[in-house]
Amino acid sequence: MTYNYSNPPQPLQAWPFQHTNHPPIPHPAWPYMTQAPWARDYEHEYRERDQPLTFVLIHGSWADTSFWSGVASELRKKGHTVYVPEYPGHGADPNKNVTHAVMTKSIADYVTSRNLKNIILVGHSFGGSLVQKVAELIPDRLKRLVFMNAFVVKDGGSLADEFPPSMQAMFKQLIESSKDNTVMLPFPFFRESFANLASYAQAQQLYKKVTPEPAGPLFEKFDLKKFYSLQVPKSYVHLMEDTVIPLGNPDYGWHPHMSSRLGLYRFIQTHGDHMSTTEYEPKLIARKIYEASRD
């Protein structure tokens, strides 16, 4: 038989010479017309089921718990339990005269008051320093620590030590111009360094939620000997386009400058900036945090 391939044969839906008293004979769909596995949604549901985990998400400076809203929602959709505590000096708290120890204790109390155990403690940015100190207070309740472009402060150091001199000078100038010992980011700096992957309109929308940050904790020196003796598993999630701390300088930066202080750790990397990716691509960030946290 010869086919005219300008008019290729079509799958028969029924036998063409049907008896008048016989119902049509349905023809099954061709198997190659079904969706191939690799054409399905990239999501991991096809490949595996998530291991249910309990997350406690800690936001960073110039933010509040709403920073995690989208990510928390995505994690809950996958069956995880998620807690997002607020800490003093942030959110609805008008008091900016707070210390790092006060913030740390509030998070530890949040965990213990709810009797949370086997938790994944996740910190972003400034939240990394809180994760370090909270871990010292409740090590028996931890399953893993996850740092997402987060500070890993060295023993005896401060957060301010991790910024180049030009940024330290800018912060000190902003503190001097404030009336309550806080740092309020100017929009141009926020747009270029915190939301560099966002559109201008998206950056403006994010900036509406920015509030002055208590300055005191930025310059406190931390005793972290206990943290660096802990055997709790650790992970670092690196967002590659984050330019809050200048890229390419071996003396500064999220990775490998600070991440390497964790010793043995799991490394997860993806595209993203400091703030806008978490807001506008929560599914991506939730997935990377899960990859950093699972067994």
C-alpha atoms as a PDB file:
ATOM      1  CA  MET A   1       0.000   0.000   0.000  1.00  0.00           C
ATOM      2  CA  THR A   2       1.245   3.476  -0.858  1.00  0.00           C
ATOM      3  CA  TYR A   3       0.313   6.538   1.152  1.00  0.00           C
ATOM      4  CA  ASN A   4       0.060  10.046  -0.111  1.00  0.00           C
ATOM      5  CA  TYR A   5       1.942  11.876   2.683  1.00  0.00           C
ATOM      6  CA  SER A   6       0.520  15.209   1.687  1.00  0.00           C
ATOM      7  CA  ASN A   7      -2.634  13.829   3.320  1.00  0.00           C
ATOM      8  CA  PRO A   8      -1.406  11.401   6.004  1.00  0.00           C
ATOM      9  CA  PRO A   9      -3.898   8.849   7.347  1.00  0.00           C
ATOM     10  CA  GLN A  10      -5.853   9.795  10.458  1.00  0.00           C
ATOM     11  CA  PRO A  11      -6.731   7.437  13.307  1.00  0.00           C
ATOM     12  CA  LEU A  12     -10.152   5.926  12.746  1.00  0.00           C
ATOM     13  CA  GLN A  13     -12.824   6.925  15.205  1.00  0.00           C
ATOM     14  CA  ALA A  14     -15.178   4.122  14.072  1.00  0.00           C
ATOM     15  CA  TRP A  15     -15.375   1.420  11.402  1.00  0.00           C
ATOM     16  CA  PRO A  16     -16.434   3.312   8.228  1.00  0.00           C
ATOM     17  CA  PHE A  17     -18.877   0.650   6.973  1.00  0.00           C
ATOM     18  CA  GLN A  18     -21.120   0.397   9.935  1.00  0.00           C
ATOM     19  CA  HIS A  19     -24.145  -1.934   9.932  1.00  0.00           C
ATOM     20  CA  THR A  20     -27.281   0.081  10.341  1.00  0.00           C
ATOM     21  CA  ASN A  21     -28.325  -1.844  13.447  1.00  0.00           C
ATOM     22  CA  HIS A  22     -24.896  -1.939  15.093  1.00  0.00           C
ATOM     23  CA  PRO A  23     -23.679   0.862  17.394  1.00  0.00           C
ATOM     24  CA  PRO A  24     -20.501   2.702  16.377  1.00  0.00           C
ATOM     25  CA  ILE A  25     -17.292   0.986  17.442  1.00  0.00           C
ATOM     26  CA  PRO A  26     -15.098   3.488  19.310  1.00  0.00           C
ATOM     27  CA  HIS A  27     -11.423   3.550  18.473  1.00  0.00           C
ATOM     28  CA  PRO A  28      -8.997   4.083  21.368  1.00  0.00           C
ATOM     29  CA  ALA A  29      -6.704   7.074  21.291  1.00  0.00           C
ATOM     30  CA  TRP A  30      -3.296   6.410  19.840  1.00  0.00           C
ATOM     31  CA  PRO A  31      -0.838   5.790  22.698  1.00  0.00           C
ATOM     32  CA  TYR A  32       1.684   8.244  21.283  1.00  0.00           C
ATOM     33  CA  MET A  33      -0.866  11.033  21.618  1.00  0.00           C
ATOM     34  CA  THR A  34      -0.701  10.881  25.420  1.00  0.00           C
ATOM     35  CA  GLN A  35       1.558  13.351  27.186  1.00  0.00           C
ATOM     36  CA  ALA A  36       5.101  12.111  27.580  1.00  0.00           C
ATOM     37  CA  PRO A  37       6.520  12.106  31.127  1.00  0.00           C
ATOM     38  CA  TRP A  38       9.166  14.668  30.242  1.00  0.00           C
ATOM     39  CA  ALA A  39       6.474  16.993  28.900  1.00  0.00           C
ATOM     40  CA  ARG A  40       4.683  17.049  32.230  1.00  0.00           C
ATOM     41  CA  ASP A  41       5.048  19.861  34.694  1.00  0.00           C
ATOM     42  CA  TYR A  42       8.587  20.137  36.023  1.00  0.00           C
ATOM     43  CA  GLU A  43       7.317  19.834  39.572  1.00  0.00           C
ATOM     44  CA  HIS A  44       8.592  16.895  41.548  1.00  0.00           C
ATOM     45  CA  GLU A  45       5.151  15.328  42.184  1.00  0.00           C
ATOM     46  CA  TYR A  46       5.774  13.081  39.195  1.00  0.00           C
ATOM     47  CA  ARG A  47       9.135  11.952  40.499  1.00  0.00           C
ATOM     48  CA  GLU A  48       8.777  11.845  44.277  1.00  0.00           C
ATOM     49  CA  ARG A  49       6.724  12.891  47.255  1.00  0.00           C
ATOM     50  CA  ASP A  50       8.002  15.493  49.672  1.00  0.00           C
ATOM     51  CA  GLN A  51       9.224  14.342  53.044  1.00  0.00           C
ATOM     52  CA  PRO A  52       6.937  16.204  55.502  1.00  0.00           C
ATOM     53  CA  LEU A  53       8.981  18.705  57.497  1.00  0.00           C
ATOM     54  CA  THR A  54       8.406  21.410  60.096  1.00  0.00           C
ATOM     55  CA  PHE A  55       9.836  24.795  59.137  1.00  0.00           C
ATOM     56  CA  VAL A  56      10.417  27.890  61.245  1.00  0.00           C
ATOM     57  CA  LEU A  57      11.194  30.797  58.906  1.00  0.00           C
ATOM     58  CA  ILE A  58      13.108  33.843  60.181  1.00  0.00           C
ATOM     59  CA  HIS A  59      13.103  37.007  58.055  1.00  0.00           C
ATOM     60  CA  GLY A  60      15.880  39.564  57.795  1.00  0.00           C
ATOM     61  CA  SER A  61      16.366  43.307  58.158  1.00  0.00           C
ATOM     62  CA  TRP A  62      13.939  45.848  56.676  1.00  0.00           C
ATOM     63  CA  ALA A  63      11.295  43.132  56.547  1.00  0.00           C
ATOM     64  CA  ASP A  64       8.543  41.459  58.545  1.00  0.00           C
ATOM     65  CA  THR A  65       6.787  38.094  58.465  1.00  0.00           C
ATOM     66  CA  SER A  66       5.061  38.983  55.190  1.00  0.00           C
ATOM     67  CA  PHE A  67       8.438  38.396  53.504  1.00  0.00           C
ATOM     68  CA  TRP A  68       7.749  34.666  53.803  1.00  0.00           C
ATOM     69  CA  SER A  69       4.028  34.668  52.923  1.00  0.00           C
ATOM     70  CA  GLY A  70       4.324  33.187  49.437  1.00  0.00           C
ATOM     71  CA  VAL A  71       7.027  30.685  50.369  1.00  0.00           C
ATOM     72  CA  ALA A  72       5.126  29.540  53.470  1.00  0.00           C
ATOM     73  CA  SER A  73       2.014  29.022  51.357  1.00  0.00           C
ATOM     74  CA  GLU A  74       3.912  26.925  48.807  1.00  0.00           C
ATOM     75  CA  LEU A  75       5.505  24.774  51.515  1.00  0.00           C
ATOM     76  CA  ARG A  76       2.127  24.173  53.157  1.00  0.00           C
ATOM     77  CA  LYS A  77       0.673  23.083  49.808  1.00  0.00           C
ATOM     78  CA  LYS A  78       3.263  20.298  49.803  1.00  0.00           C
ATOM     79  CA  GLY A  79       2.184  19.090  53.235  1.00  0.00           C
ATOM     80  CA  HIS A  80       4.788  20.802  55.383  1.00  0.00           C
ATOM     81  CA  THR A  81       4.113  22.534  58.695  1.00  0.00           C
ATOM     82  CA  VAL A  82       5.321  26.147  58.667  1.00  0.00           C
ATOM     83  CA  TYR A  83       5.731  28.731  61.424  1.00  0.00           C
ATOM     84  CA  VAL A  84       6.774  32.339  60.818  1.00  0.00           C
ATOM     85  CA  PRO A  85       7.490  34.158  64.100  1.00  0.00           C
ATOM     86  CA  GLU A  86       7.874  37.905  64.340  1.00  0.00           C
ATOM     87  CA  TYR A  87      10.544  39.278  66.650  1.00  0.00           C
ATOM     88  CA  PRO A  88      10.940  42.565  68.589  1.00  0.00           C
ATOM     89  CA  GLY A  89      11.680  45.774  66.696  1.00  0.00           C
ATOM     90  CA  HIS A  90       9.853  44.556  63.604  1.00  0.00           C
ATOM     91  CA  GLY A  91       6.341  44.171  62.286  1.00  0.00           C
ATOM     92  CA  ALA A  92       3.829  46.030  64.442  1.00  0.00           C
ATOM     93  CA  ASP A  93       6.353  46.670  67.242  1.00  0.00           C
ATOM     94  CA  PRO A  94       7.151  50.412  67.327  1.00  0.00           C
ATOM     95  CA  ASN A  95      10.039  49.972  69.775  1.00  0.00           C
ATOM     96  CA  LYS A  96      13.323  50.057  67.872  1.00  0.00           C
ATOM     97  CA  ASN A  97      15.493  50.081  70.992  1.00  0.00           C
ATOM     98  CA  VAL A  98      16.074  46.332  71.007  1.00  0.00           C
ATOM     99  CA  THR A  99      19.090  44.077  71.286  1.00  0.00           C
ATOM    100  CA  HIS A 100      20.055  40.993  69.350  1.00  0.00           C
ATOM    101  CA  ALA A 101      19.685  38.912  72.533  1.00  0.00           C
ATOM    102  CA  VAL A 102      16.090  40.114  72.981  1.00  0.00           C
ATOM    103  CA  MET A 103      15.268  39.097  69.404  1.00  0.00           C
ATOM    104  CA  THR A 104      16.956  35.722  69.851  1.00  0.00           C
ATOM    105  CA  LYS A 105      15.084  34.953  73.060  1.00  0.00           C
ATOM    106  CA  SER A 106      11.721  35.832  71.512  1.00  0.00           C
ATOM    107  CA  ILE A 107      12.243  33.277  68.719  1.00  0.00           C
ATOM    108  CA  ALA A 108      13.475  30.594  71.099  1.00  0.00           C
ATOM    109  CA  ASP A 109      10.463  31.244  73.355  1.00  0.00           C
ATOM    110  CA  TYR A 110       8.153  31.000  70.333  1.00  0.00           C
ATOM    111  CA  VAL A 111       9.515  27.548  69.552  1.00  0.00           C
ATOM    112  CA  THR A 112       9.488  26.230  73.126  1.00  0.00           C
ATOM    113  CA  SER A 113       6.043  27.638  73.984  1.00  0.00           C
ATOM    114  CA  ARG A 114       4.592  25.629  71.085  1.00  0.00           C
ATOM    115  CA  ASN A 115       6.735  22.609  71.952  1.00  0.00           C
ATOM    116  CA  LEU A 116       8.078  22.449  68.414  1.00  0.00           C
ATOM    117  CA  LYS A 117      10.607  19.696  67.803  1.00  0.00           C
ATOM    118  CA  ASN A 118      12.692  18.358  64.952  1.00  0.00           C
ATOM    119  CA  ILE A 119      12.434  21.720  63.191  1.00  0.00           C
ATOM    120  CA  ILE A 120      14.159  23.155  60.152  1.00  0.00           C
ATOM    121  CA  LEU A 121      15.243  26.634  61.265  1.00  0.00           C
ATOM    122  CA  VAL A 122      15.625  28.875  58.198  1.00  0.00           C
ATOM    123  CA  GLY A 123      17.181  32.345  58.260  1.00  0.00           C
ATOM    124  CA  HIS A 124      17.402  34.950  55.509  1.00  0.00           C
ATOM    125  CA  SER A 125      19.928  37.801  55.581  1.00  0.00           C
ATOM    126  CA  PHE A 126      20.090  39.246  59.142  1.00  0.00           C
ATOM    127  CA  GLY A 127      18.007  36.226  60.131  1.00  0.00           C
ATOM    128  CA  GLY A 128      21.122  34.103  59.727  1.00  0.00           C
ATOM    129  CA  SER A 129      22.675  35.680  62.812  1.00  0.00           C
ATOM    130  CA  LEU A 130      19.436  34.988  64.697  1.00  0.00           C
ATOM    131  CA  VAL A 131      19.532  31.355  63.577  1.00  0.00           C
ATOM    132  CA  GLN A 132      23.067  31.105  64.932  1.00  0.00           C
ATOM    133  CA  LYS A 133      22.119  32.365  68.400  1.00  0.00           C
ATOM    134  CA  VAL A 134      18.730  30.602  68.569  1.00  0.00           C
ATOM    135  CA  ALA A 135      20.505  27.341  67.745  1.00  0.00           C
ATOM    136  CA  GLU A 136      22.646  27.814  70.839  1.00  0.00           C
ATOM    137  CA  LEU A 137      19.522  28.080  73.013  1.00  0.00           C
ATOM    138  CA  ILE A 138      17.463  25.168  71.628  1.00  0.00           C
ATOM    139  CA  PRO A 139      19.855  22.708  69.936  1.00  0.00           C
ATOM    140  CA  ASP A 140      17.803  19.680  71.020  1.00  0.00           C
ATOM    141  CA  ARG A 141      14.793  20.917  69.020  1.00  0.00           C
ATOM    142  CA  LEU A 142      16.625  21.275  65.721  1.00  0.00           C
ATOM    143  CA  LYS A 143      16.740  18.939  62.748  1.00  0.00           C
ATOM    144  CA  ARG A 144      18.716  21.253  60.443  1.00  0.00           C
ATOM    145  CA  LEU A 145      19.767  24.887  60.035  1.00  0.00           C
ATOM    146  CA  VAL A 146      19.281  26.548  56.646  1.00  0.00           C
ATOM    147  CA  PHE A 147      20.883  29.862  55.705  1.00  0.00           C
ATOM    148  CA  MET A 148      19.500  31.609  52.595  1.00  0.00           C
ATOM    149  CA  ASN A 149      21.837  34.409  51.557  1.00  0.00           C
ATOM    150  CA  ALA A 150      22.160  34.851  55.273  1.00  0.00           C
ATOM    151  CA  PHE A 151      24.877  36.133  57.550  1.00  0.00           C
ATOM    152  CA  VAL A 152      27.092  33.528  59.150  1.00  0.00           C
ATOM    153  CA  VAL A 153      28.920  35.730  61.621  1.00  0.00           C
ATOM    154  CA  LYS A 154      32.303  34.605  62.855  1.00  0.00           C
ATOM    155  CA  ASP A 155      32.982  34.158  66.557  1.00  0.00           C
ATOM    156  CA  GLY A 156      33.735  37.564  68.084  1.00  0.00           C
ATOM    157  CA  GLY A 157      32.533  39.406  64.997  1.00  0.00           C
ATOM    158  CA  SER A 158      29.562  41.612  64.185  1.00  0.00           C
ATOM    159  CA  LEU A 159      27.186  41.959  61.279  1.00  0.00           C
ATOM    160  CA  ALA A 160      28.766  45.301  60.392  1.00  0.00           C
ATOM    161  CA  ASP A 161      32.126  43.572  59.960  1.00  0.00           C
ATOM    162  CA  GLU A 162      30.702  41.778  56.930  1.00  0.00           C
ATOM    163  CA  PHE A 163      30.101  45.022  54.987  1.00  0.00           C
ATOM    164  CA  PRO A 164      32.799  46.883  53.044  1.00  0.00           C
ATOM    165  CA  PRO A 165      33.960  50.183  54.600  1.00  0.00           C
ATOM    166  CA  SER A 166      31.916  52.245  52.118  1.00  0.00           C
ATOM    167  CA  MET A 167      28.690  50.516  53.203  1.00  0.00           C
ATOM    168  CA  GLN A 168      29.566  50.845  56.875  1.00  0.00           C
ATOM    169  CA  ALA A 169      30.067  54.585  56.337  1.00  0.00           C
ATOM    170  CA  MET A 170      26.700  54.844  54.564  1.00  0.00           C
ATOM    171  CA  PHE A 171      24.920  53.061  57.417  1.00  0.00           C
ATOM    172  CA  LYS A 172      26.553  55.292  60.033  1.00  0.00           C
ATOM    173  CA  GLN A 173      25.464  58.363  58.097  1.00  0.00           C
ATOM    174  CA  LEU A 174      21.894  57.078  57.919  1.00  0.00           C
ATOM    175  CA  ILE A 175      21.919  56.347  61.648  1.00  0.00           C
ATOM    176  CA  GLU A 176      23.114  59.864  62.439  1.00  0.00           C
ATOM    177  CA  SER A 177      20.323  61.334  60.344  1.00  0.00           C
ATOM    178  CA  SER A 178      17.661  59.250  62.117  1.00  0.00           C
ATOM    179  CA  LYS A 179      15.929  60.248  65.343  1.00  0.00           C
ATOM    180  CA  ASP A 180      15.735  56.792  66.905  1.00  0.00           C
ATOM    181  CA  ASN A 181      19.027  55.014  66.122  1.00  0.00           C
ATOM    182  CA  THR A 182      17.671  53.224  63.054  1.00  0.00           C
ATOM    183  CA  VAL A 183      18.701  52.677  59.455  1.00  0.00           C
ATOM    184  CA  MET A 184      16.201  53.438  56.695  1.00  0.00           C
ATOM    185  CA  LEU A 185      17.311  52.329  53.251  1.00  0.00           C
ATOM    186  CA  PRO A 186      17.088  54.978  50.512  1.00  0.00           C
ATOM    187  CA  PHE A 187      14.989  53.749  47.607  1.00  0.00           C
ATOM    188  CA  PRO A 188      17.794  53.993  44.982  1.00  0.00           C
ATOM    189  CA  PHE A 189      19.994  51.712  47.080  1.00  0.00           C
ATOM    190  CA  PHE A 190      17.129  49.302  47.748  1.00  0.00           C
ATOM    191  CA  ARG A 191      16.180  49.174  44.069  1.00  0.00           C
ATOM    192  CA  GLU A 192      19.719  48.486  42.790  1.00  0.00           C
ATOM    193  CA  SER A 193      20.923  46.132  45.546  1.00  0.00           C
ATOM    194  CA  PHE A 194      17.890  44.450  47.130  1.00  0.00           C
ATOM    195  CA  ALA A 195      15.550  44.152  44.131  1.00  0.00           C
ATOM    196  CA  ASN A 196      17.901  44.260  41.142  1.00  0.00           C
ATOM    197  CA  LEU A 197      16.006  41.527  39.244  1.00  0.00           C
ATOM    198  CA  ALA A 198      12.617  43.146  39.785  1.00  0.00           C
ATOM    199  CA  SER A 199      10.880  45.592  37.501  1.00  0.00           C
ATOM    200  CA  TYR A 200      10.812  49.196  38.668  1.00  0.00           C
ATOM    201  CA  ALA A 201       7.141  48.857  39.591  1.00  0.00           C
ATOM    202  CA  GLN A 202       7.806  45.677  41.566  1.00  0.00           C
ATOM    203  CA  ALA A 203      10.674  47.328  43.430  1.00  0.00           C
ATOM    204  CA  GLN A 204       8.426  50.256  44.321  1.00  0.00           C
ATOM    205  CA  GLN A 205       5.758  47.879  45.606  1.00  0.00           C
ATOM    206  CA  LEU A 206       8.267  46.032  47.778  1.00  0.00           C
ATOM    207  CA  TYR A 207       9.723  49.258  49.117  1.00  0.00           C
ATOM    208  CA  LYS A 208       6.347  50.254  50.550  1.00  0.00           C
ATOM    209  CA  LYS A 209       6.800  47.516  53.152  1.00  0.00           C
ATOM    210  CA  VAL A 210      10.299  48.596  54.184  1.00  0.00           C
ATOM    211  CA  THR A 211      10.534  50.110  57.678  1.00  0.00           C
ATOM    212  CA  PRO A 212      13.512  51.506  59.614  1.00  0.00           C
ATOM    213  CA  GLU A 213      15.794  48.819  61.015  1.00  0.00           C
ATOM    214  CA  PRO A 214      17.126  48.940  64.612  1.00  0.00           C
ATOM    215  CA  ALA A 215      20.796  49.846  64.290  1.00  0.00           C
ATOM    216  CA  GLY A 216      22.085  48.502  67.594  1.00  0.00           C
ATOM    217  CA  PRO A 217      22.202  44.786  66.676  1.00  0.00           C
ATOM    218  CA  LEU A 218      24.177  45.522  63.501  1.00  0.00           C
ATOM    219  CA  PHE A 219      27.202  46.546  65.570  1.00  0.00           C
ATOM    220  CA  GLU A 220      27.007  44.061  68.444  1.00  0.00           C
ATOM    221  CA  LYS A 221      29.861  41.592  68.816  1.00  0.00           C
ATOM    222  CA  PHE A 222      28.779  37.963  69.160  1.00  0.00           C
ATOM    223  CA  ASP A 223      30.227  35.122  71.177  1.00  0.00           C
ATOM    224  CA  LEU A 224      29.528  32.161  68.890  1.00  0.00           C
ATOM    225  CA  LYS A 225      31.802  29.499  70.325  1.00  0.00           C
ATOM    226  CA  LYS A 226      28.828  27.325  71.249  1.00  0.00           C
ATOM    227  CA  PHE A 227      27.325  27.651  67.775  1.00  0.00           C
ATOM    228  CA  TYR A 228      30.530  26.520  66.108  1.00  0.00           C
ATOM    229  CA  SER A 229      30.653  23.468  68.367  1.00  0.00           C
ATOM    230  CA  LEU A 230      27.128  22.292  67.461  1.00  0.00           C
ATOM    231  CA  GLN A 231      26.737  19.121  65.402  1.00  0.00           C
ATOM    232  CA  VAL A 232      23.371  20.125  63.910  1.00  0.00           C
ATOM    233  CA  PRO A 233      23.308  19.595  60.098  1.00  0.00           C
ATOM    234  CA  LYS A 234      23.528  22.802  58.092  1.00  0.00           C
ATOM    235  CA  SER A 235      22.704  24.002  54.581  1.00  0.00           C
ATOM    236  CA  TYR A 236      23.330  27.141  52.565  1.00  0.00           C
ATOM    237  CA  VAL A 237      20.975  28.342  49.797  1.00  0.00           C
ATOM    238  CA  HIS A 238      22.743  30.810  47.520  1.00  0.00           C
ATOM    239  CA  LEU A 239      20.838  33.248  45.289  1.00  0.00           C
ATOM    240  CA  MET A 240      23.381  34.128  42.662  1.00  0.00           C
ATOM    241  CA  GLU A 241      22.341  37.655  41.630  1.00  0.00           C
ATOM    242  CA  ASP A 242      22.122  39.047  45.169  1.00  0.00           C
ATOM    243  CA  THR A 243      24.266  42.213  45.178  1.00  0.00           C
ATOM    244  CA  VAL A 244      23.530  43.533  48.687  1.00  0.00           C
ATOM    245  CA  ILE A 245      27.107  42.635  49.481  1.00  0.00           C
ATOM    246  CA  PRO A 246      29.305  43.362  46.439  1.00  0.00           C
ATOM    247  CA  LEU A 247      30.104  40.319  44.311  1.00  0.00           C
ATOM    248  CA  GLY A 248      33.591  39.212  43.394  1.00  0.00           C
ATOM    249  CA  ASN A 249      35.457  40.422  46.480  1.00  0.00           C
ATOM    250  CA  PRO A 250      37.036  37.483  48.357  1.00  0.00           C
ATOM    251  CA  ASP A 251      36.906  39.425  51.634  1.00  0.00           C
ATOM    252  CA  TYR A 252      33.109  39.811  51.548  1.00  0.00           C
ATOM    253  CA  GLY A 253      30.045  38.032  50.262  1.00  0.00           C
ATOM    254  CA  TRP A 254      27.464  35.368  51.003  1.00  0.00           C
ATOM    255  CA  HIS A 255      29.202  32.473  49.282  1.00  0.00           C
ATOM    256  CA  PRO A 256      31.839  31.217  49.738  1.00  0.00           C
ATOM    257  CA  HIS A 257      33.052  33.895  52.169  1.00  0.00           C
ATOM    258  CA  MET A 258      30.409  33.318  54.869  1.00  0.00           C
ATOM    259  CA  SER A 259      28.934  29.967  53.839  1.00  0.00           C
ATOM    260  CA  SER A 260      32.308  28.245  54.234  1.00  0.00           C
ATOM    261  CA  ARG A 261      32.254  29.030  57.963  1.00  0.00           C
ATOM    262  CA  LEU A 262      29.611  26.332  58.407  1.00  0.00           C
ATOM    263  CA  GLY A 263      32.167  23.576  57.948  1.00  0.00           C
ATOM    264  CA  LEU A 264      30.416  20.571  56.440  1.00  0.00           C
ATOM    265  CA  TYR A 265      27.212  21.840  54.817  1.00  0.00           C
ATOM    266  CA  ARG A 266      24.815  21.139  51.956  1.00  0.00           C
ATOM    267  CA  PHE A 267      25.004  23.706  49.164  1.00  0.00           C
ATOM    268  CA  ILE A 268      21.977  24.624  47.036  1.00  0.00           C
ATOM    269  CA  GLN A 269      22.157  27.356  44.392  1.00  0.00           C
ATOM    270  CA  THR A 270      19.666  29.093  42.137  1.00  0.00           C
ATOM    271  CA  HIS A 271      19.059  32.403  40.412  1.00  0.00           C
ATOM    272  CA  GLY A 272      17.667  35.228  42.507  1.00  0.00           C
ATOM    273  CA  ASP A 273      18.252  38.589  44.165  1.00  0.00           C
ATOM    274  CA  HIS A 274      18.032  39.522  47.843  1.00  0.00           C
ATOM    275  CA  MET A 275      14.318  40.272  48.192  1.00  0.00           C
ATOM    276  CA  SER A 276      12.247  40.323  45.017  1.00  0.00           C
ATOM    277  CA  THR A 277      12.746  36.683  44.006  1.00  0.00           C
ATOM    278  CA  THR A 278      11.253  35.432  47.268  1.00  0.00           C
ATOM    279  CA  GLU A 279       8.249  37.707  46.730  1.00  0.00           C
ATOM    280  CA  TYR A 280       7.619  37.024  43.058  1.00  0.00           C
ATOM    281  CA  GLU A 281       8.922  33.458  42.641  1.00  0.00           C
ATOM    282  CA  PRO A 282       7.891  31.773  45.903  1.00  0.00           C
ATOM    283  CA  LYS A 283       7.503  28.352  44.276  1.00  0.00           C
ATOM    284  CA  LEU A 284      11.168  28.361  43.236  1.00  0.00           C
ATOM    285  CA  ILE A 285      12.394  29.483  46.648  1.00  0.00           C
ATOM    286  CA  ALA A 286      10.168  27.008  48.498  1.00  0.00           C
ATOM    287  CA  ARG A 287      11.551  24.183  46.366  1.00  0.00           C
ATOM    288  CA  LYS A 288      15.174  25.171  47.015  1.00  0.00           C
ATOM    289  CA  ILE A 289      14.570  25.465  50.753  1.00  0.00           C
ATOM    290  CA  TYR A 290      13.045  21.988  50.702  1.00  0.00           C
ATOM    291  CA  GLU A 291      16.033  20.604  48.791  1.00  0.00           C
ATOM    292  CA  ALA A 292      18.288  22.149  51.411  1.00  0.00           C
ATOM    293  CA  SER A 293      16.232  20.624  54.242  1.00  0.00           C
ATOM    294  CA  ARG A 294      15.231  17.085  53.273  1.00  0.00           C
ATOM    295  CA  ASP A 295      17.179  14.054  54.461  1.00  0.00           C
END
